[in-house]
Amino acid sequence: MGAATITKERMCSAFRSHPQAEVAALYGSDAERTRQFAEDMEVPAWDTGLDRFLKGNDLDTVYIASTNDKHCNQT
């Protein structure tokens, strides 16, 4: 969750370096930024609705890269 700089610069490549991991979906609050991030990083799915994101994707793990003040509500 989150189209933060650390996700783009560090976490996507870290996840993809594991043979059993994939970056399957991205959640962000800004539609254009999230769409562009997903396109740039070749992430196949993205959404700006948290409930849709969590229910609409077959996810085993969620990485939260939003600002700290949003973590509690998002978890």
N, C-alpha and C. Protein backbone atom coordinates (compact mmCIF):
# COMPACT_ATOMS: atom_id res chain seq x y z
N MET A 1 0.83 -1.17 0.00
CA MET A 1 0.00 0.00 0.00
C MET A 1 0.87 1.23 0.00
N GLY A 2 0.57 2.13 -0.88
CA GLY A 2 1.28 3.40 -0.90
C GLY A 2 2.27 3.49 -2.04
N ALA A 3 2.20 4.59 -2.73
CA ALA A 3 3.11 4.84 -3.85
C ALA A 3 4.24 5.74 -3.39
N ALA A 4 4.78 5.45 -2.23
CA ALA A 4 5.84 6.26 -1.65
C ALA A 4 7.17 6.01 -2.37
N THR A 5 8.08 6.94 -2.22
CA THR A 5 9.39 6.84 -2.86
C THR A 5 10.12 5.57 -2.45
N ILE A 6 10.07 5.20 -1.17
CA ILE A 6 10.78 3.99 -0.74
C ILE A 6 10.24 2.74 -1.43
N THR A 7 8.96 2.73 -1.71
CA THR A 7 8.38 1.59 -2.41
C THR A 7 8.98 1.48 -3.80
N LYS A 8 9.05 2.59 -4.49
CA LYS A 8 9.56 2.60 -5.86
C LYS A 8 11.06 2.34 -5.90
N GLU A 9 11.81 2.98 -5.01
CA GLU A 9 13.27 2.91 -5.07
C GLU A 9 13.85 1.65 -4.43
N ARG A 10 13.14 1.06 -3.46
CA ARG A 10 13.72 -0.06 -2.73
C ARG A 10 12.85 -1.32 -2.69
N MET A 11 11.59 -1.15 -2.32
CA MET A 11 10.79 -2.32 -1.96
C MET A 11 10.35 -3.17 -3.15
N CYS A 12 9.95 -2.57 -4.25
CA CYS A 12 9.53 -3.37 -5.41
C CYS A 12 10.65 -4.29 -5.86
N SER A 13 11.85 -3.77 -5.98
CA SER A 13 12.96 -4.62 -6.42
C SER A 13 13.32 -5.66 -5.36
N ALA A 14 13.20 -5.30 -4.08
CA ALA A 14 13.49 -6.26 -3.01
C ALA A 14 12.49 -7.41 -3.05
N PHE A 15 11.21 -7.10 -3.19
CA PHE A 15 10.21 -8.17 -3.28
C PHE A 15 10.45 -9.03 -4.51
N ARG A 16 10.73 -8.40 -5.62
CA ARG A 16 10.91 -9.14 -6.87
C ARG A 16 12.18 -9.98 -6.89
N SER A 17 13.10 -9.71 -5.99
CA SER A 17 14.34 -10.51 -5.95
C SER A 17 14.11 -11.87 -5.32
N HIS A 18 12.98 -12.05 -4.65
CA HIS A 18 12.66 -13.35 -4.05
C HIS A 18 11.90 -14.19 -5.08
N PRO A 19 12.33 -15.44 -5.29
CA PRO A 19 11.72 -16.25 -6.34
C PRO A 19 10.24 -16.58 -6.12
N GLN A 20 9.74 -16.47 -4.90
CA GLN A 20 8.34 -16.81 -4.65
C GLN A 20 7.48 -15.57 -4.38
N ALA A 21 8.01 -14.40 -4.68
CA ALA A 21 7.27 -13.17 -4.42
C ALA A 21 6.97 -12.45 -5.73
N GLU A 22 5.88 -11.72 -5.71
CA GLU A 22 5.55 -10.84 -6.84
C GLU A 22 4.85 -9.61 -6.29
N VAL A 23 4.99 -8.52 -6.99
CA VAL A 23 4.26 -7.31 -6.66
C VAL A 23 2.99 -7.37 -7.50
N ALA A 24 1.88 -7.73 -6.85
CA ALA A 24 0.65 -8.04 -7.58
C ALA A 24 -0.31 -6.87 -7.68
N ALA A 25 -0.27 -5.95 -6.73
CA ALA A 25 -1.23 -4.86 -6.72
C ALA A 25 -0.69 -3.69 -5.91
N LEU A 26 -1.22 -2.52 -6.19
CA LEU A 26 -0.78 -1.30 -5.52
C LEU A 26 -1.99 -0.49 -5.10
N TYR A 27 -1.97 0.01 -3.88
CA TYR A 27 -3.01 0.90 -3.39
C TYR A 27 -2.40 2.28 -3.16
N GLY A 28 -3.11 3.32 -3.54
CA GLY A 28 -2.68 4.68 -3.27
C GLY A 28 -3.89 5.59 -3.20
N SER A 29 -3.74 6.73 -2.57
CA SER A 29 -4.87 7.63 -2.40
C SER A 29 -5.09 8.57 -3.59
N ASP A 30 -4.05 8.78 -4.38
CA ASP A 30 -4.13 9.67 -5.55
C ASP A 30 -4.17 8.81 -6.81
N ALA A 31 -5.29 8.86 -7.54
CA ALA A 31 -5.49 7.97 -8.68
C ALA A 31 -4.41 8.12 -9.75
N GLU A 32 -4.11 9.32 -10.16
CA GLU A 32 -3.13 9.51 -11.24
C GLU A 32 -1.73 9.06 -10.80
N ARG A 33 -1.34 9.42 -9.61
CA ARG A 33 -0.01 9.02 -9.11
C ARG A 33 0.08 7.49 -8.98
N THR A 34 -0.98 6.89 -8.46
CA THR A 34 -0.99 5.44 -8.28
C THR A 34 -0.98 4.73 -9.63
N ARG A 35 -1.79 5.19 -10.57
CA ARG A 35 -1.80 4.59 -11.92
C ARG A 35 -0.43 4.70 -12.58
N GLN A 36 0.19 5.86 -12.49
CA GLN A 36 1.50 6.07 -13.10
C GLN A 36 2.55 5.20 -12.43
N PHE A 37 2.52 5.11 -11.12
CA PHE A 37 3.45 4.26 -10.38
C PHE A 37 3.30 2.81 -10.83
N ALA A 38 2.05 2.34 -10.89
CA ALA A 38 1.80 0.95 -11.31
C ALA A 38 2.31 0.71 -12.73
N GLU A 39 2.09 1.66 -13.60
CA GLU A 39 2.59 1.54 -14.98
C GLU A 39 4.11 1.53 -15.01
N ASP A 40 4.74 2.46 -14.32
CA ASP A 40 6.20 2.55 -14.31
C ASP A 40 6.85 1.29 -13.74
N MET A 41 6.23 0.72 -12.70
CA MET A 41 6.82 -0.43 -12.00
C MET A 41 6.25 -1.76 -12.49
N GLU A 42 5.41 -1.71 -13.53
CA GLU A 42 4.80 -2.91 -14.12
C GLU A 42 4.03 -3.74 -13.07
N VAL A 43 3.24 -3.04 -12.27
CA VAL A 43 2.37 -3.68 -11.30
C VAL A 43 1.01 -3.84 -11.99
N PRO A 44 0.49 -5.07 -12.10
CA PRO A 44 -0.69 -5.32 -12.92
C PRO A 44 -2.01 -4.75 -12.41
N ALA A 45 -2.14 -4.50 -11.13
CA ALA A 45 -3.41 -4.00 -10.59
C ALA A 45 -3.15 -2.85 -9.62
N TRP A 46 -4.08 -1.92 -9.58
CA TRP A 46 -3.98 -0.81 -8.63
C TRP A 46 -5.37 -0.32 -8.29
N ASP A 47 -5.50 0.36 -7.16
CA ASP A 47 -6.80 0.88 -6.75
C ASP A 47 -6.59 2.03 -5.77
N THR A 48 -7.61 2.89 -5.67
CA THR A 48 -7.58 3.98 -4.69
C THR A 48 -8.63 3.77 -3.60
N GLY A 49 -9.38 2.69 -3.68
CA GLY A 49 -10.36 2.35 -2.64
C GLY A 49 -9.78 1.23 -1.79
N LEU A 50 -9.53 1.49 -0.52
CA LEU A 50 -8.86 0.52 0.34
C LEU A 50 -9.64 -0.79 0.45
N ASP A 51 -10.93 -0.73 0.69
CA ASP A 51 -11.73 -1.96 0.79
C ASP A 51 -11.71 -2.74 -0.52
N ARG A 52 -11.88 -2.06 -1.65
CA ARG A 52 -11.82 -2.74 -2.95
C ARG A 52 -10.46 -3.38 -3.16
N PHE A 53 -9.40 -2.66 -2.81
CA PHE A 53 -8.04 -3.16 -2.98
C PHE A 53 -7.85 -4.45 -2.19
N LEU A 54 -8.24 -4.45 -0.94
CA LEU A 54 -8.02 -5.62 -0.08
C LEU A 54 -8.92 -6.79 -0.46
N LYS A 55 -10.13 -6.53 -0.88
CA LYS A 55 -11.07 -7.61 -1.23
C LYS A 55 -10.92 -8.07 -2.67
N GLY A 56 -10.42 -7.22 -3.53
CA GLY A 56 -10.39 -7.52 -4.96
C GLY A 56 -9.11 -8.15 -5.47
N ASN A 57 -8.16 -8.39 -4.60
CA ASN A 57 -6.89 -8.97 -5.03
C ASN A 57 -6.56 -10.18 -4.16
N ASP A 58 -5.94 -11.17 -4.75
CA ASP A 58 -5.54 -12.37 -4.03
C ASP A 58 -4.17 -12.11 -3.40
N LEU A 59 -4.17 -11.52 -2.20
CA LEU A 59 -2.94 -11.08 -1.56
C LEU A 59 -2.59 -11.96 -0.36
N ASP A 60 -1.33 -12.32 -0.25
CA ASP A 60 -0.85 -13.05 0.92
C ASP A 60 -0.21 -12.11 1.94
N THR A 61 0.37 -11.04 1.45
CA THR A 61 1.09 -10.09 2.29
C THR A 61 0.81 -8.68 1.79
N VAL A 62 0.73 -7.74 2.71
CA VAL A 62 0.55 -6.34 2.36
C VAL A 62 1.67 -5.54 3.00
N TYR A 63 2.41 -4.80 2.19
CA TYR A 63 3.46 -3.90 2.68
C TYR A 63 2.85 -2.51 2.77
N ILE A 64 2.95 -1.88 3.92
CA ILE A 64 2.35 -0.55 4.12
C ILE A 64 3.45 0.50 4.04
N ALA A 65 3.35 1.34 3.00
CA ALA A 65 4.34 2.39 2.78
C ALA A 65 3.73 3.77 2.89
N SER A 66 2.56 3.83 3.48
CA SER A 66 1.93 5.14 3.67
C SER A 66 2.61 5.85 4.84
N THR A 67 2.21 7.09 5.05
CA THR A 67 2.78 7.84 6.18
C THR A 67 2.30 7.22 7.49
N ASN A 68 3.08 7.37 8.54
CA ASN A 68 2.80 6.71 9.82
C ASN A 68 1.41 7.01 10.35
N ASP A 69 0.91 8.21 10.13
CA ASP A 69 -0.41 8.56 10.67
C ASP A 69 -1.55 7.76 10.06
N LYS A 70 -1.30 7.08 8.94
CA LYS A 70 -2.34 6.29 8.27
C LYS A 70 -2.26 4.80 8.58
N HIS A 71 -1.16 4.35 9.17
CA HIS A 71 -0.95 2.92 9.40
C HIS A 71 -2.06 2.26 10.21
N CYS A 72 -2.46 2.84 11.30
CA CYS A 72 -3.45 2.22 12.18
C CYS A 72 -4.75 1.95 11.44
N ASN A 73 -5.29 2.94 10.76
CA ASN A 73 -6.54 2.76 10.02
C ASN A 73 -6.41 1.77 8.88
N GLN A 74 -5.25 1.69 8.26
CA GLN A 74 -5.07 0.80 7.13
C GLN A 74 -4.83 -0.65 7.54
N THR A 75 -4.41 -0.85 8.78
CA THR A 75 -4.20 -2.22 9.21
C THR A 75 -5.44 -2.74 9.89
